[in-house]
N, C-alpha and C. Protein backbone atom coordinates (compact mmCIF):
# COMPACT_ATOMS: atom_id res chain seq x y z
N UNK A 1 -8.14 2.46 -13.46
CA UNK A 1 -7.37 3.22 -12.50
C UNK A 1 -5.97 3.43 -13.05
N UNK A 2 -5.44 4.61 -12.80
CA UNK A 2 -4.09 4.93 -13.22
C UNK A 2 -3.18 5.14 -12.03
N UNK A 3 -1.87 5.08 -12.27
CA UNK A 3 -0.88 5.29 -11.22
C UNK A 3 -0.18 6.62 -11.51
N UNK A 4 -0.08 7.47 -10.49
CA UNK A 4 0.55 8.77 -10.62
C UNK A 4 1.27 9.12 -9.33
N UNK A 5 1.88 10.28 -9.27
CA UNK A 5 2.60 10.74 -8.09
C UNK A 5 1.64 11.17 -6.99
N UNK A 6 2.07 11.04 -5.75
CA UNK A 6 1.29 11.57 -4.63
C UNK A 6 1.15 13.07 -4.82
N UNK A 7 -0.02 13.58 -4.57
CA UNK A 7 -0.28 15.00 -4.74
C UNK A 7 -0.86 15.36 -6.10
N UNK A 8 -0.67 14.48 -7.10
CA UNK A 8 -1.26 14.71 -8.42
C UNK A 8 -2.72 14.28 -8.36
N UNK A 9 -3.61 15.21 -8.54
CA UNK A 9 -5.03 14.95 -8.36
C UNK A 9 -5.71 14.73 -9.71
N UNK A 10 -5.47 13.57 -10.31
CA UNK A 10 -6.11 13.21 -11.57
C UNK A 10 -7.25 12.24 -11.28
N UNK A 11 -8.31 12.33 -12.06
CA UNK A 11 -9.45 11.44 -11.87
C UNK A 11 -9.03 9.98 -12.03
N UNK A 12 -9.56 9.13 -11.17
CA UNK A 12 -9.34 7.68 -11.24
C UNK A 12 -7.86 7.30 -11.24
N UNK A 13 -7.06 8.01 -10.46
CA UNK A 13 -5.64 7.66 -10.37
C UNK A 13 -5.16 7.89 -8.94
N UNK A 14 -4.03 7.27 -8.63
CA UNK A 14 -3.44 7.40 -7.31
C UNK A 14 -2.09 6.73 -7.28
N UNK A 15 -1.61 6.43 -6.09
CA UNK A 15 -0.31 5.78 -5.94
C UNK A 15 -0.44 4.63 -4.96
N UNK A 16 0.53 3.71 -5.05
CA UNK A 16 0.48 2.48 -4.25
C UNK A 16 0.94 2.69 -2.82
N UNK A 17 0.36 1.87 -1.95
CA UNK A 17 0.77 1.75 -0.55
C UNK A 17 0.86 0.25 -0.26
N UNK A 18 1.97 -0.17 0.30
CA UNK A 18 2.14 -1.57 0.66
C UNK A 18 2.03 -1.69 2.17
N UNK A 19 1.05 -2.47 2.61
CA UNK A 19 0.83 -2.70 4.04
C UNK A 19 1.43 -4.05 4.40
N UNK A 20 2.32 -4.05 5.37
CA UNK A 20 3.04 -5.25 5.78
C UNK A 20 2.58 -5.64 7.18
N UNK A 21 1.99 -6.82 7.28
CA UNK A 21 1.53 -7.36 8.56
C UNK A 21 0.56 -6.41 9.28
N UNK A 22 -0.32 -5.78 8.52
CA UNK A 22 -1.34 -4.89 9.08
C UNK A 22 -2.66 -5.66 9.10
N UNK A 23 -3.23 -5.83 10.28
CA UNK A 23 -4.48 -6.57 10.41
C UNK A 23 -5.69 -5.67 10.54
N UNK A 24 -5.50 -4.43 10.98
CA UNK A 24 -6.61 -3.52 11.18
C UNK A 24 -7.06 -2.96 9.83
N UNK A 25 -8.37 -2.82 9.63
CA UNK A 25 -8.85 -2.22 8.37
C UNK A 25 -8.49 -0.74 8.33
N UNK A 26 -8.29 -0.23 7.13
CA UNK A 26 -8.03 1.20 6.96
C UNK A 26 -9.33 1.98 7.11
N UNK A 27 -9.24 3.15 7.68
CA UNK A 27 -10.39 4.05 7.77
C UNK A 27 -10.42 4.86 6.48
N UNK A 28 -11.48 4.75 5.67
CA UNK A 28 -11.52 5.48 4.40
C UNK A 28 -11.60 6.99 4.60
N UNK A 29 -11.85 7.45 5.83
CA UNK A 29 -11.95 8.88 6.11
C UNK A 29 -10.66 9.47 6.66
N UNK A 30 -9.60 8.67 6.71
CA UNK A 30 -8.30 9.12 7.20
C UNK A 30 -7.21 8.75 6.21
N UNK A 31 -6.16 9.58 6.10
CA UNK A 31 -5.05 9.21 5.22
C UNK A 31 -4.39 7.91 5.70
N UNK A 32 -3.82 7.17 4.78
CA UNK A 32 -3.09 5.95 5.12
C UNK A 32 -1.86 6.36 5.92
N UNK A 33 -1.64 5.74 7.08
CA UNK A 33 -0.45 6.09 7.88
C UNK A 33 0.84 5.85 7.10
N UNK A 34 1.90 6.50 7.53
CA UNK A 34 3.22 6.28 6.92
C UNK A 34 4.18 5.86 8.02
N UNK A 35 4.51 4.57 8.02
CA UNK A 35 5.44 4.02 9.00
C UNK A 35 6.03 2.75 8.42
N UNK A 36 6.74 1.97 9.24
CA UNK A 36 7.42 0.78 8.72
C UNK A 36 6.45 -0.30 8.24
N UNK A 37 5.17 -0.22 8.64
CA UNK A 37 4.17 -1.19 8.21
C UNK A 37 3.29 -0.67 7.07
N UNK A 38 3.39 0.62 6.77
CA UNK A 38 2.60 1.25 5.71
C UNK A 38 3.57 2.00 4.80
N UNK A 39 4.03 1.33 3.75
CA UNK A 39 5.03 1.92 2.85
C UNK A 39 4.32 2.68 1.73
N UNK A 40 4.73 3.93 1.52
CA UNK A 40 4.14 4.78 0.48
C UNK A 40 5.06 4.80 -0.74
N UNK A 41 4.47 4.68 -1.90
CA UNK A 41 5.21 4.77 -3.15
C UNK A 41 4.70 5.99 -3.90
N UNK A 42 4.97 7.16 -3.31
CA UNK A 42 4.43 8.42 -3.79
C UNK A 42 5.03 8.94 -5.08
N UNK A 43 6.10 8.32 -5.56
CA UNK A 43 6.69 8.74 -6.83
C UNK A 43 6.05 8.01 -8.01
N UNK A 44 5.00 7.25 -7.72
CA UNK A 44 4.32 6.51 -8.78
C UNK A 44 4.97 5.18 -9.11
N UNK A 45 5.80 4.66 -8.21
CA UNK A 45 6.48 3.39 -8.46
C UNK A 45 5.46 2.27 -8.62
N UNK A 46 5.79 1.35 -9.51
CA UNK A 46 4.94 0.17 -9.71
C UNK A 46 5.68 -1.12 -9.36
N UNK A 47 6.91 -0.98 -8.86
CA UNK A 47 7.65 -2.14 -8.39
C UNK A 47 8.64 -1.68 -7.33
N UNK A 48 9.00 -2.61 -6.45
CA UNK A 48 9.96 -2.30 -5.38
C UNK A 48 10.53 -3.60 -4.86
N UNK A 49 11.67 -3.48 -4.24
CA UNK A 49 12.28 -4.62 -3.57
C UNK A 49 12.30 -4.28 -2.08
N UNK A 50 11.75 -5.19 -1.28
CA UNK A 50 11.73 -4.98 0.16
C UNK A 50 12.38 -6.16 0.85
N UNK A 51 12.97 -5.91 2.00
CA UNK A 51 13.60 -6.95 2.80
C UNK A 51 12.70 -7.24 3.99
N UNK A 52 12.36 -8.50 4.19
CA UNK A 52 11.54 -8.92 5.32
C UNK A 52 12.30 -9.97 6.13
N UNK A 53 12.13 -9.96 7.44
CA UNK A 53 12.76 -11.00 8.23
C UNK A 53 12.11 -12.35 7.94
N UNK A 54 12.80 -13.45 8.21
CA UNK A 54 12.21 -14.77 7.99
C UNK A 54 10.89 -14.91 8.76
N UNK A 55 9.98 -15.66 8.19
CA UNK A 55 8.69 -15.90 8.84
C UNK A 55 7.54 -15.60 7.91
N UNK A 56 6.34 -15.74 8.42
CA UNK A 56 5.12 -15.53 7.65
C UNK A 56 4.73 -14.05 7.70
N UNK A 57 4.41 -13.48 6.55
CA UNK A 57 4.04 -12.07 6.45
C UNK A 57 2.79 -11.93 5.59
N UNK A 58 1.98 -10.95 5.94
CA UNK A 58 0.80 -10.61 5.14
C UNK A 58 1.08 -9.29 4.44
N UNK A 59 0.89 -9.28 3.12
CA UNK A 59 1.11 -8.08 2.32
C UNK A 59 -0.22 -7.66 1.70
N UNK A 60 -0.49 -6.35 1.73
CA UNK A 60 -1.68 -5.81 1.10
C UNK A 60 -1.25 -4.63 0.24
N UNK A 61 -1.74 -4.57 -0.97
CA UNK A 61 -1.46 -3.45 -1.86
C UNK A 61 -2.73 -2.61 -1.95
N UNK A 62 -2.61 -1.33 -1.60
CA UNK A 62 -3.76 -0.43 -1.57
C UNK A 62 -3.45 0.79 -2.43
N UNK A 63 -4.39 1.17 -3.27
CA UNK A 63 -4.24 2.38 -4.08
C UNK A 63 -4.84 3.55 -3.31
N UNK A 64 -4.03 4.59 -3.10
CA UNK A 64 -4.49 5.78 -2.41
C UNK A 64 -4.55 6.96 -3.35
N UNK A 65 -5.39 7.94 -3.01
CA UNK A 65 -5.53 9.11 -3.88
C UNK A 65 -4.43 10.13 -3.60
N UNK A 66 -4.55 11.32 -4.17
CA UNK A 66 -3.52 12.34 -4.05
C UNK A 66 -3.22 12.71 -2.60
N UNK A 67 -4.21 12.58 -1.71
CA UNK A 67 -4.04 12.91 -0.31
C UNK A 67 -3.77 11.72 0.58
N UNK A 68 -3.47 10.57 0.00
CA UNK A 68 -3.17 9.32 0.71
C UNK A 68 -4.41 8.67 1.32
N UNK A 69 -5.59 9.03 0.85
CA UNK A 69 -6.81 8.37 1.32
C UNK A 69 -7.06 7.14 0.45
N UNK A 70 -7.40 6.00 1.05
CA UNK A 70 -7.66 4.80 0.25
C UNK A 70 -8.91 4.98 -0.60
N UNK A 71 -8.84 4.49 -1.82
CA UNK A 71 -10.04 4.50 -2.65
C UNK A 71 -11.09 3.61 -2.01
N UNK A 72 -12.35 3.95 -2.17
CA UNK A 72 -13.44 3.20 -1.57
C UNK A 72 -14.33 2.67 -2.68
N UNK A 73 -14.41 1.38 -2.95
CA UNK A 73 -13.66 0.37 -2.20
C UNK A 73 -12.18 0.45 -2.53
N UNK A 74 -11.37 0.00 -1.61
CA UNK A 74 -9.92 0.17 -1.75
C UNK A 74 -9.31 -0.73 -2.81
N UNK A 75 -9.98 -1.83 -3.14
CA UNK A 75 -9.39 -2.74 -4.11
C UNK A 75 -8.18 -3.46 -3.54
N UNK A 76 -8.18 -3.64 -2.22
CA UNK A 76 -7.05 -4.31 -1.58
C UNK A 76 -6.89 -5.73 -2.09
N UNK A 77 -5.65 -6.13 -2.21
CA UNK A 77 -5.34 -7.53 -2.42
C UNK A 77 -4.44 -7.94 -1.27
N UNK A 78 -4.63 -9.12 -0.77
CA UNK A 78 -3.82 -9.57 0.35
C UNK A 78 -3.29 -10.96 0.08
N UNK A 79 -2.13 -11.23 0.60
CA UNK A 79 -1.54 -12.54 0.39
C UNK A 79 -0.57 -12.83 1.52
N UNK A 80 -0.60 -14.05 2.00
CA UNK A 80 0.35 -14.49 3.02
C UNK A 80 1.59 -15.05 2.33
N UNK A 81 2.73 -14.67 2.83
CA UNK A 81 3.99 -15.20 2.30
C UNK A 81 4.81 -15.78 3.43
N UNK A 82 5.32 -16.99 3.22
CA UNK A 82 6.22 -17.59 4.19
C UNK A 82 7.63 -17.34 3.69
N UNK A 83 8.27 -16.40 4.32
CA UNK A 83 9.62 -15.97 3.94
C UNK A 83 10.61 -16.70 4.83
N UNK A 84 10.89 -17.95 4.50
CA UNK A 84 11.77 -18.78 5.33
C UNK A 84 13.23 -18.52 5.07
N UNK A 85 14.06 -18.93 5.99
CA UNK A 85 15.50 -18.79 5.80
C UNK A 85 15.99 -19.88 4.85
N UNK A 86 17.05 -19.57 4.16
CA UNK A 86 17.60 -20.51 3.18
C UNK A 86 19.04 -20.79 3.46
C-alpha cells in the first residue's frame, strides 16, 4: 500500500485517517466522517502532532482511498493510550 493525497486515485494507495476515541465500526460503503474524532491527513502526511486532554484515549489509524472510503479490510490498528497529566 502506498500513501498519496486525497483525490489521487492510484491503485493500492490512499491517505491516513486518525480516529480518536471512536468505538463504532466504520461502514465500508460510506466515506470516513470528518470531525474532531476523525482526522483526515489528505495531503499524504505520514506523521502529525496532536494534543489530547489527560486521560485514556483509543487511537485507530485507517487508510482511506481517494474518496475517503476505508480499504476493505481496513487494516486498522488500535491502541489505548493513557495520557496522564505531568
